[in-house]
Protein backbone atom coordinates (compact mmCIF):
# COMPACT_ATOMS: atom_id res chain seq x y z
CA VAL A 1 114.91 -102.27 132.25
CA ARG A 2 115.59 -99.28 130.00
CA PHE A 3 114.60 -95.72 130.82
CA GLY A 4 114.63 -93.02 128.18
CA TYR A 5 114.23 -89.27 127.88
CA GLU A 6 114.35 -87.37 124.58
CA VAL A 7 113.89 -83.72 123.65
CA GLU A 8 113.26 -82.44 120.09
CA PRO A 9 113.39 -78.62 119.96
CA ASN A 10 111.98 -77.96 116.47
CA ASP A 11 111.54 -74.35 115.41
CA ARG A 12 110.66 -74.41 111.71
CA ALA A 13 108.19 -71.59 111.04
CA HIS A 14 106.29 -72.67 107.91
CA ALA A 15 103.22 -74.71 106.97
CA GLY A 16 105.04 -78.05 107.42
CA VAL A 17 106.08 -77.15 110.94
CA SER A 18 107.35 -79.88 113.26
CA ALA A 19 106.42 -80.04 116.90
CA SER A 20 108.77 -79.48 119.80
CA ARG A 21 108.62 -82.71 121.76
CA GLU A 22 109.54 -84.22 125.09
CA ARG A 23 109.38 -88.02 125.44
CA TRP A 24 109.71 -90.29 128.47
CA SER A 25 109.83 -94.08 128.18
CA VAL A 26 110.37 -97.20 130.21
CA ALA A 27 110.84 -100.63 128.62
CA TYR A 28 111.49 -104.11 129.90
CA ARG A 29 112.62 -107.29 128.11
CA TRP A 30 112.65 -110.75 129.59
CA ARG A 31 113.34 -114.32 128.52
CA LEU A 32 110.29 -116.50 129.01
CA ARG A 33 111.80 -119.80 127.86
CA ALA A 34 114.76 -120.88 125.76
CA ALA A 35 113.31 -119.64 122.44
CA TRP A 36 110.75 -117.12 123.75
CA SER A 37 111.22 -113.50 124.80
CA ALA A 38 108.83 -110.64 125.55
CA ASP A 39 109.02 -106.86 125.58
CA THR A 40 106.76 -104.27 127.12
CA ALA A 41 107.03 -100.49 127.02
CA LEU A 42 105.23 -97.42 128.31
CA VAL A 43 105.79 -94.09 126.53
CA HIS A 44 104.54 -90.56 127.27
CA ARG A 45 105.17 -87.80 124.74
CA LYS A 46 104.26 -84.09 124.96
CA SER A 47 104.16 -82.16 121.69
CA ARG A 48 103.80 -78.41 121.19
CA TYR A 49 102.90 -77.13 117.72
CA SER A 50 103.30 -73.42 118.50
CA GLU A 51 104.08 -72.30 114.92
CA ALA A 52 101.49 -74.48 113.13
CA SER A 53 98.52 -72.99 111.29
CA ILE A 54 96.45 -74.41 114.18
CA PRO A 55 98.67 -74.07 117.29
CA ARG A 56 98.08 -76.91 119.73
CA ASP A 57 99.47 -78.99 122.57
CA GLU A 58 99.22 -82.78 122.53
CA GLY A 59 99.94 -85.58 124.98
CA LEU A 60 100.41 -89.13 123.68
CA LEU A 61 100.37 -92.17 125.97
CA GLU A 62 101.30 -95.57 124.50
CA TRP A 63 101.65 -99.05 125.98
CA SER A 64 102.95 -102.00 123.98
CA PHE A 65 103.62 -105.70 124.45
CA THR A 66 105.51 -107.96 122.03
CA ALA A 67 106.24 -111.70 122.18
CA ASN A 68 109.04 -113.17 120.05
CA ARG A 69 109.76 -116.81 119.20
CA GLU A 70 113.12 -117.80 117.74
CA LEU A 71 112.61 -120.34 114.98
CA PRO A 72 115.17 -122.65 113.35
CA ILE A 73 117.86 -121.24 111.03
CA GLY A 74 117.66 -117.68 112.31
CA TRP A 75 114.01 -116.77 111.74
CA VAL A 76 111.99 -114.91 114.41
CA LEU A 77 108.19 -114.89 114.71
CA SER A 78 106.82 -111.79 116.46
CA THR A 79 103.38 -110.77 117.60
CA GLY A 80 102.56 -107.49 119.24
CA TYR A 81 99.87 -105.23 120.61
CA ARG A 82 99.95 -101.44 121.01
CA TRP A 83 97.40 -99.16 122.69
CA SER A 84 97.57 -95.40 122.04
CA ASP A 85 95.73 -92.36 123.38
CA ASN A 86 96.53 -88.90 121.99
CA ASP A 87 94.91 -85.92 123.73
CA SER A 88 95.01 -82.51 122.07
CA ASN A 89 93.60 -79.14 123.02
CA VAL A 90 92.21 -79.08 119.43
CA ASP A 91 89.62 -81.88 119.28
CA VAL A 92 90.22 -82.87 115.65
CA PHE A 93 93.77 -83.99 116.60
CA SER A 94 92.66 -86.19 119.53
CA TYR A 95 92.47 -89.93 118.90
CA ASP A 96 92.92 -93.33 120.47
CA GLY A 97 93.69 -96.63 118.85
CA GLN A 98 94.87 -100.18 119.09
CA ARG A 99 97.18 -102.09 116.78
CA VAL A 100 97.90 -105.80 116.52
CA ALA A 101 100.83 -106.95 114.39
CA VAL A 102 102.34 -110.29 113.40
CA GLY A 103 105.70 -110.55 111.70
CA LEU A 104 108.31 -112.97 110.48
CA GLY A 105 111.89 -111.79 110.19
CA ARG A 106 115.40 -112.96 109.61
CA SER A 107 118.79 -111.31 109.57
CA PHE A 108 120.86 -112.19 106.52
CA CYS A 109 124.09 -110.77 107.94
CA ARG A 110 126.85 -113.24 108.60
CA VAL A 111 128.93 -113.05 111.74
CA ARG A 112 132.61 -113.15 110.90
CA ARG A 113 134.56 -115.42 113.13
CA PRO A 114 138.33 -115.17 113.56
């Protein structure tokens, strides 16, 4: 289990202003079988755009689940799902969504052995 807390105090005062953010997260990884693993995470992020042309406060809640399968010769097949809900005090910036992803990856780095 991993717990996280991050703070981004951004104070740029121009049109491309970044939000000040506070983010909490909890994640868990477990081995399902010899070649299978799974990850799940829950994230809550508060953003304050106080210097933006449209000042606003937002709260983002995300939950994700990923399953990974180790394939022969170093390849990994991944499939994942993410649900998001962003609430803003300015309606045009509120949204919710879902994402499904499938990927195939491999590391081409060699481990040096003594």
